[in-house]
C-alpha atoms as a PDB file:
ATOM      1  CA  MET A   1       0.012  -0.238   0.139  1.00  0.00           C
ATOM      2  CA  GLY A   2       2.746   2.604   0.841  1.00  0.00           C
ATOM      3  CA  ILE A   3       4.568   1.789  -2.330  1.00  0.00           C
ATOM      4  CA  ASN A   4       1.701   2.667  -4.533  1.00  0.00           C
ATOM      5  CA  ILE A   5       0.941   5.651  -2.377  1.00  0.00           C
ATOM      6  CA  LEU A   6       4.803   6.660  -3.133  1.00  0.00           C
ATOM      7  CA  GLN A   7       4.538   6.332  -6.802  1.00  0.00           C
ATOM      8  CA  SER A   8       1.609   8.137  -6.675  1.00  0.00           C
ATOM      9  CA  GLN A   9       3.524  10.848  -5.130  1.00  0.00           C
ATOM     10  CA  ARG A  10       5.998  10.714  -8.200  1.00  0.00           C
ATOM     11  CA  ASN A  11       3.748  10.785 -10.274  1.00  0.00           C
ATOM     12  CA  MET A  12       2.029  13.795  -9.467  1.00  0.00           C
ATOM     13  CA  LEU A  13       5.373  15.288  -8.813  1.00  0.00           C
ATOM     14  CA  ASN A  14       6.606  14.803 -12.432  1.00  0.00           C
ATOM     15  CA  SER A  15       3.046  15.901 -14.034  1.00  0.00           C
ATOM     16  CA  LEU A  16       3.596  18.999 -12.225  1.00  0.00           C
ATOM     17  CA  ARG A  17       7.371  19.427 -13.501  1.00  0.00           C
ATOM     18  CA  THR A  18       6.201  19.081 -17.068  1.00  0.00           C
ATOM     19  CA  PHE A  19       3.408  21.544 -16.408  1.00  0.00           C
ATOM     20  CA  LEU A  20       5.677  24.366 -14.932  1.00  0.00           C
ATOM     21  CA  GLY A  21       8.515  23.496 -17.797  1.00  0.00           C
ATOM     22  CA  LYS A  22       6.103  24.079 -20.298  1.00  0.00           C
ATOM     23  CA  LYS A  23       4.331  27.263 -18.744  1.00  0.00           C
ATOM     24  CA  THR A  24       8.130  28.292 -18.326  1.00  0.00           C
ATOM     25  CA  ALA A  25       8.816  27.454 -22.015  1.00  0.00           C
ATOM     26  CA  GLN A  26       5.288  28.787 -23.718  1.00  0.00           C
ATOM     27  CA  LEU A  27       5.782  32.241 -21.637  1.00  0.00           C
ATOM     28  CA  GLY A  28       9.561  32.690 -22.808  1.00  0.00           C
ATOM     29  CA  LEU A  29       8.720  31.570 -26.584  1.00  0.00           C
ATOM     30  CA  SER A  30       6.187  34.173 -26.606  1.00  0.00           C
ATOM     31  CA  LEU A  31       8.043  37.117 -25.282  1.00  0.00           C
ATOM     32  CA  LYS A  32       9.895  36.755 -29.259  1.00  0.00           C
ATOM     33  CA  LYS A  33       8.107  37.827 -31.924  1.00  0.00           C
ATOM     34  CA  SER A  34       9.360  35.266 -35.079  1.00  0.00           C
ATOM     35  CA  PRO A  35       9.389  36.717 -38.513  1.00  0.00           C
ATOM     36  CA  SER A  36       7.337  34.552 -41.314  1.00  0.00           C
ATOM     37  CA  ILE A  37       9.435  32.653 -43.430  1.00  0.00           C
ATOM     38  CA  PRO A  38      10.159  31.573 -46.795  1.00  0.00           C
ATOM     39  CA  VAL A  39      10.057  28.069 -46.710  1.00  0.00           C
ATOM     40  CA  ASN A  40      11.211  27.554 -50.111  1.00  0.00           C
ATOM     41  CA  CYS A  41      14.490  29.289 -49.857  1.00  0.00           C
ATOM     42  CA  ILE A  42      15.355  27.384 -46.323  1.00  0.00           C
ATOM     43  CA  LEU A  43      14.751  24.131 -48.265  1.00  0.00           C
ATOM     44  CA  ARG A  44      17.786  24.657 -50.247  1.00  0.00           C
ATOM     45  CA  PRO A  45      20.168  22.437 -50.297  1.00  0.00           C
ATOM     46  CA  GLY A  46      23.565  23.018 -48.015  1.00  0.00           C
ATOM     47  CA  ARG A  47      21.645  23.589 -44.932  1.00  0.00           C
ATOM     48  CA  ASN A  48      22.246  22.156 -41.411  1.00  0.00           C
ATOM     49  CA  ILE A  49      19.798  20.278 -40.218  1.00  0.00           C
ATOM     50  CA  LEU A  50      18.831  19.120 -36.608  1.00  0.00           C
ATOM     51  CA  ILE A  51      16.331  15.982 -36.370  1.00  0.00           C
ATOM     52  CA  CYS A  52      15.290  14.997 -32.872  1.00  0.00           C
ATOM     53  CA  LEU A  53      14.196  11.285 -32.733  1.00  0.00           C
ATOM     54  CA  PRO A  54      11.957   9.427 -30.602  1.00  0.00           C
ATOM     55  CA  GLU A  55      13.153   6.873 -28.267  1.00  0.00           C
ATOM     56  CA  ASP A  56      11.416   3.920 -30.219  1.00  0.00           C
ATOM     57  CA  GLY A  57      11.630   3.256 -33.923  1.00  0.00           C
ATOM     58  CA  ASP A  58      14.167   2.421 -36.569  1.00  0.00           C
ATOM     59  CA  VAL A  59      14.782   5.838 -38.563  1.00  0.00           C
ATOM     60  CA  ALA A  60      18.058   5.222 -40.312  1.00  0.00           C
ATOM     61  CA  GLU A  61      15.930   4.755 -43.207  1.00  0.00           C
ATOM     62  CA  THR A  62      14.188   8.092 -42.439  1.00  0.00           C
ATOM     63  CA  LEU A  63      17.787   9.612 -42.172  1.00  0.00           C
ATOM     64  CA  GLU A  64      19.096   8.344 -45.487  1.00  0.00           C
ATOM     65  CA  LEU A  65      15.585   9.616 -47.585  1.00  0.00           C
ATOM     66  CA  LEU A  66      16.803  13.039 -45.872  1.00  0.00           C
ATOM     67  CA  LYS A  67      19.776  13.139 -47.261  1.00  0.00           C
ATOM     68  CA  GLU A  68      18.528  12.014 -51.120  1.00  0.00           C
ATOM     69  CA  LYS A  69      16.052  14.477 -50.567  1.00  0.00           C
ATOM     70  CA  LEU A  70      17.074  17.709 -48.963  1.00  0.00           C
ATOM     71  CA  ASN A  71      20.542  17.236 -49.549  1.00  0.00           C
ATOM     72  CA  PRO A  72      21.838  18.738 -46.275  1.00  0.00           C
ATOM     73  CA  LEU A  73      25.264  19.963 -45.409  1.00  0.00           C
ATOM     74  CA  ASN A  74      25.592  18.644 -41.920  1.00  0.00           C
ATOM     75  CA  ILE A  75      22.463  16.291 -39.931  1.00  0.00           C
ATOM     76  CA  PHE A  76      22.546  16.261 -36.384  1.00  0.00           C
ATOM     77  CA  VAL A  77      20.993  13.965 -34.622  1.00  0.00           C
ATOM     78  CA  LEU A  78      19.347  15.007 -30.839  1.00  0.00           C
ATOM     79  CA  THR A  79      18.540  11.107 -29.404  1.00  0.00           C
ATOM     80  CA  GLU A  80      17.948   9.592 -26.230  1.00  0.00           C
ATOM     81  CA  ASP A  81      21.347   7.664 -24.611  1.00  0.00           C
ATOM     82  CA  THR A  82      19.279   4.082 -25.173  1.00  0.00           C
ATOM     83  CA  GLN A  83      19.350   5.155 -29.045  1.00  0.00           C
ATOM     84  CA  ASP A  84      21.123   2.835 -31.458  1.00  0.00           C
ATOM     85  CA  VAL A  85      23.566   5.141 -33.512  1.00  0.00           C
ATOM     86  CA  ALA A  86      25.339   2.533 -35.156  1.00  0.00           C
ATOM     87  CA  GLY A  87      23.029   2.634 -37.824  1.00  0.00           C
ATOM     88  CA  PHE A  88      22.596   6.007 -38.876  1.00  0.00           C
ATOM     89  CA  PRO A  89      24.327   6.981 -42.069  1.00  0.00           C
ATOM     90  CA  LEU A  90      27.616   8.264 -42.610  1.00  0.00           C
ATOM     91  CA  GLY A  91      28.273  11.923 -41.352  1.00  0.00           C
ATOM     92  CA  VAL A  92      25.562  12.231 -38.632  1.00  0.00           C
ATOM     93  CA  LYS A  93      26.084  13.757 -35.504  1.00  0.00           C
ATOM     94  CA  ALA A  94      24.859  12.585 -32.777  1.00  0.00           C
ATOM     95  CA  PHE A  95      23.641  14.546 -29.480  1.00  0.00           C
ATOM     96  CA  SER A  96      22.693  12.742 -26.537  1.00  0.00           C
ATOM     97  CA  LEU A  97      19.914  14.188 -24.329  1.00  0.00           C
ATOM     98  CA  SER A  98      19.151  11.990 -20.960  1.00  0.00           C
ATOM     99  CA  GLU A  99      16.779  12.161 -17.958  1.00  0.00           C
ATOM    100  CA  ARG A 100      20.248  13.256 -16.294  1.00  0.00           C
ATOM    101  CA  GLY A 101      20.150  16.171 -19.054  1.00  0.00           C
ATOM    102  CA  LEU A 102      17.638  17.743 -17.860  1.00  0.00           C
ATOM    103  CA  ASN A 103      16.493  20.488 -15.500  1.00  0.00           C
ATOM    104  CA  LEU A 104      13.808  20.083 -12.675  1.00  0.00           C
ATOM    105  CA  LEU A 105      11.585  21.835 -15.053  1.00  0.00           C
ATOM    106  CA  CYS A 106      11.906  18.911 -17.882  1.00  0.00           C
ATOM    107  CA  LEU A 107      13.753  21.430 -19.978  1.00  0.00           C
ATOM    108  CA  PRO A 108      16.980  20.677 -21.445  1.00  0.00           C
ATOM    109  CA  ARG A 109      20.018  22.066 -19.401  1.00  0.00           C
ATOM    110  CA  GLY A 110      21.984  25.226 -21.037  1.00  0.00           C
ATOM    111  CA  ARG A 111      25.206  23.482 -21.873  1.00  0.00           C
ATOM    112  CA  LEU A 112      23.248  21.203 -24.536  1.00  0.00           C
ATOM    113  CA  MET A 113      21.658  23.781 -25.746  1.00  0.00           C
ATOM    114  CA  LYS A 114      24.851  26.231 -26.295  1.00  0.00           C
ATOM    115  CA  GLU A 115      26.186  23.534 -28.435  1.00  0.00           C
ATOM    116  CA  ILE A 116      23.413  22.590 -30.584  1.00  0.00           C
ATOM    117  CA  ARG A 117      22.906  26.399 -31.516  1.00  0.00           C
ATOM    118  CA  LYS A 118      26.954  26.586 -32.186  1.00  0.00           C
ATOM    119  CA  GLN A 119      26.159  24.371 -35.033  1.00  0.00           C
ATOM    120  CA  GLY A 120      24.099  26.701 -37.022  1.00  0.00           C
ATOM    121  CA  ILE A 121      21.297  25.047 -37.270  1.00  0.00           C
ATOM    122  CA  ASP A 122      18.574  26.053 -40.044  1.00  0.00           C
ATOM    123  CA  ILE A 123      16.050  23.435 -40.247  1.00  0.00           C
ATOM    124  CA  ALA A 124      15.024  21.408 -36.646  1.00  0.00           C
ATOM    125  CA  ILE A 125      12.669  18.599 -36.935  1.00  0.00           C
ATOM    126  CA  ASP A 126      11.301  16.955 -34.066  1.00  0.00           C
ATOM    127  CA  LEU A 127       9.683  13.223 -34.969  1.00  0.00           C
ATOM    128  CA  HIS A 128       8.281  12.959 -31.719  1.00  0.00           C
ATOM    129  CA  TRP A 129       4.286  12.507 -32.913  1.00  0.00           C
ATOM    130  CA  ARG A 130       3.406  12.945 -29.473  1.00  0.00           C
ATOM    131  CA  PHE A 131       4.823  16.250 -27.941  1.00  0.00           C
ATOM    132  CA  CYS A 132       7.780  15.663 -26.332  1.00  0.00           C
ATOM    133  CA  LEU A 133       8.927  19.226 -24.116  1.00  0.00           C
ATOM    134  CA  PRO A 134      12.635  18.451 -24.276  1.00  0.00           C
ATOM    135  CA  SER A 135      13.080  18.249 -27.848  1.00  0.00           C
ATOM    136  CA  ALA A 136      10.002  20.780 -28.982  1.00  0.00           C
ATOM    137  CA  TYR A 137      12.407  23.153 -26.826  1.00  0.00           C
ATOM    138  CA  MET A 138      15.630  21.847 -28.424  1.00  0.00           C
ATOM    139  CA  CYS A 139      13.783  22.757 -31.716  1.00  0.00           C
ATOM    140  CA  ALA A 140      12.391  26.328 -30.829  1.00  0.00           C
ATOM    141  CA  HIS A 141      15.938  27.213 -29.041  1.00  0.00           C
ATOM    142  CA  SER A 142      18.066  26.126 -31.784  1.00  0.00           C
ATOM    143  CA  LYS A 143      17.705  28.880 -33.468  1.00  0.00           C
ATOM    144  CA  ALA A 144      16.628  27.095 -36.335  1.00  0.00           C
ATOM    145  CA  ALA A 145      14.421  29.673 -39.379  1.00  0.00           C
ATOM    146  CA  LEU A 146      12.397  26.684 -39.925  1.00  0.00           C
ATOM    147  CA  ARG A 147      11.182  24.566 -36.687  1.00  0.00           C
ATOM    148  CA  ILE A 148       8.978  20.905 -38.059  1.00  0.00           C
ATOM    149  CA  GLY A 149       7.082  19.150 -35.726  1.00  0.00           C
ATOM    150  CA  PHE A 150       3.793  17.174 -35.161  1.00  0.00           C
ATOM    151  CA  TYR A 151       0.484  19.001 -34.329  1.00  0.00           C
ATOM    152  CA  SER A 152      -0.729  19.159 -30.897  1.00  0.00           C
ATOM    153  CA  PRO A 153      -1.974  21.911 -29.062  1.00  0.00           C
ATOM    154  CA  GLN A 154       1.025  22.400 -26.794  1.00  0.00           C
ATOM    155  CA  ALA A 155       3.274  23.050 -30.357  1.00  0.00           C
ATOM    156  CA  TYR A 156       2.506  25.960 -31.737  1.00  0.00           C
ATOM    157  CA  ARG A 157       4.784  28.429 -29.946  1.00  0.00           C
ATOM    158  CA  PHE A 158       7.376  25.467 -30.314  1.00  0.00           C
ATOM    159  CA  PHE A 159       6.822  25.036 -34.135  1.00  0.00           C
ATOM    160  CA  ASN A 160       6.376  27.342 -36.857  1.00  0.00           C
ATOM    161  CA  LEU A 161       5.417  24.760 -39.113  1.00  0.00           C
ATOM    162  CA  GLU A 162       3.001  21.901 -37.947  1.00  0.00           C
ATOM    163  CA  TYR A 163       2.515  18.244 -39.712  1.00  0.00           C
ATOM    164  CA  HIS A 164      -0.835  16.868 -39.512  1.00  0.00           C
ATOM    165  CA  ILE A 165      -1.408  13.287 -38.944  1.00  0.00           C
ATOM    166  CA  ARG A 166      -5.144  11.536 -38.248  1.00  0.00           C
ATOM    167  CA  LYS A 167      -2.898   8.259 -37.329  1.00  0.00           C
ATOM    168  CA  PHE A 168       0.850   7.293 -36.881  1.00  0.00           C
ATOM    169  CA  SER A 169       2.398   4.887 -38.752  1.00  0.00           C
ATOM    170  CA  PRO A 170       6.055   3.876 -39.539  1.00  0.00           C
ATOM    171  CA  GLU A 171       5.701   5.260 -43.046  1.00  0.00           C
ATOM    172  CA  THR A 172       4.502   8.976 -41.216  1.00  0.00           C
ATOM    173  CA  TYR A 173       8.209  10.060 -41.384  1.00  0.00           C
ATOM    174  CA  ARG A 174       8.858   9.424 -44.532  1.00  0.00           C
ATOM    175  CA  GLU A 175       6.045  10.931 -45.719  1.00  0.00           C
ATOM    176  CA  LEU A 176       7.083  13.952 -43.685  1.00  0.00           C
ATOM    177  CA  ILE A 177      10.295  13.902 -45.519  1.00  0.00           C
ATOM    178  CA  ARG A 178       8.981  13.372 -49.037  1.00  0.00           C
ATOM    179  CA  LEU A 179       6.968  16.298 -48.340  1.00  0.00           C
ATOM    180  CA  LEU A 180       9.923  18.351 -47.970  1.00  0.00           C
ATOM    181  CA  GLY A 181      11.301  17.029 -50.516  1.00  0.00           C
ATOM    182  CA  ASN A 182       8.752  17.845 -53.146  1.00  0.00           C
ATOM    183  CA  ILE A 183       8.803  21.862 -51.636  1.00  0.00           C
ATOM    184  CA  SER A 184      12.337  21.795 -51.922  1.00  0.00           C
ATOM    185  CA  ASP A 185      12.195  20.422 -55.655  1.00  0.00           C
ATOM    186  CA  PHE A 186       9.487  23.066 -56.680  1.00  0.00           C
ATOM    187  CA  SER A 187      11.271  25.581 -55.133  1.00  0.00           C
ATOM    188  CA  HIS A 188      14.391  25.180 -57.465  1.00  0.00           C
ATOM    189  CA  ARG A 189      12.681  25.003 -60.559  1.00  0.00           C
END
């Protein structure tokens, strides 16, 4: 009985931390006015792209498709410690964001944010199809002109392009990358 009460209190504390983190992040982001962006110009080749990976799923094929469709200069991946980076394409640089890398409000700590900003990210894509505060926050603070994420009621302050889906499937990531590739192809005609 005592273990259940303790677990319940931990869950309540984690929920409160996440709620306060979201509100803090949203407040900080709402104070910054984002200009409109020419998507077709940003999707041109030679850009630095940050991809925030979910903790499950095989995304090596998605990264290969991204390289093929958008021809970026560099691909940076934000992943969790448990993610297997051995299957990633050559030239992909991985950054790790573990539970230890989060502050009290479930937001990424400053050192990782500085390291990501130093890379000069042009496009940030969060592949968490359910809203994930740490990766959404990293996209928003990467200073990327184009920040892409899946639609969620909480996502509007973090991303300036939201991808709406009815139901997630393994094909969802490939559909998103193909769409970005088509926009890029169209803008170069």
